[in-house]
Amino acid sequence: MNSRIDLTPPACRQRIVRKSVTRRWVLSYACVAVAIVVILLPLRIGVVAKRSHLSWLQREAALDADFERQLNEMQDKMDRLVAIAARYESVAWPIDLSDVIAVIADVMPRSVTLTSLTITPRMQRERGADAARSPSSVVLELAGIAPTDLDVATLLAGFESHHLFDRVSIDHSRPTTIRGVESREFGATCEIELASRRVTTVAGAEGGKRR
């Protein structure tokens, strides 16, 4: 019967046993680490995807809030414009400002957006030091956004061809970017002479064009 005789010194035998145990522990830790990485990696990818989606939602919410703010500003401007029109009409000018606004709406191309409209009377003093001042003309200052200069030119041509406006001029037309889209920001001035004028009804841009 064969018997195995271990001639390894006890100190070496203990060292070998400790190394074997250490290797087993290291291998166990490595397996656990790999398992943790395999489990956490999809979770990490999911978290990154959710953060990206959340960031997109936040950007969309910011755009919606900005759009709503612009709508509110436009509504406020329209309310002020209506109030101005009512006040001017109460003065009994020889021109109906609601008709002026209707003409602007008819002449303006669909691609053009009006951002502001200011109506200012140009006053003249009658003869005599104590004579009251009366409006001689109405000046309309318009500002807006258009896709191209051609759209701006079309708008101005519509104003010039209408009998209501006596003078039309472009103040500026410069490039701008609206939500990543290149556009033109423009300003124009139209003047209506009130002398010997009595405008009570304006049928529209086509009906009011100069012959």
Foldseek 3Di string as FASTA:
>chain_A
DDDDDDPDDPVVVVVVVVVVVVVVVVVVVVVVVVVVCVVCVVVVVVVVVVVVVVVVVVVVVVVVVVVVVLVVLQVVQVVVVVVVQVVVVVVVALARVVQVVQQLVQQQDPQKDWRHKDKDFDWDADPDPPGDIDGFKIKIKTKTKGADVVSVVSSQVLVVQFPQFDDKDWDDWDWDADPNHIIIITMMMTMGGRPPHHDDHDPYSVVRGDD
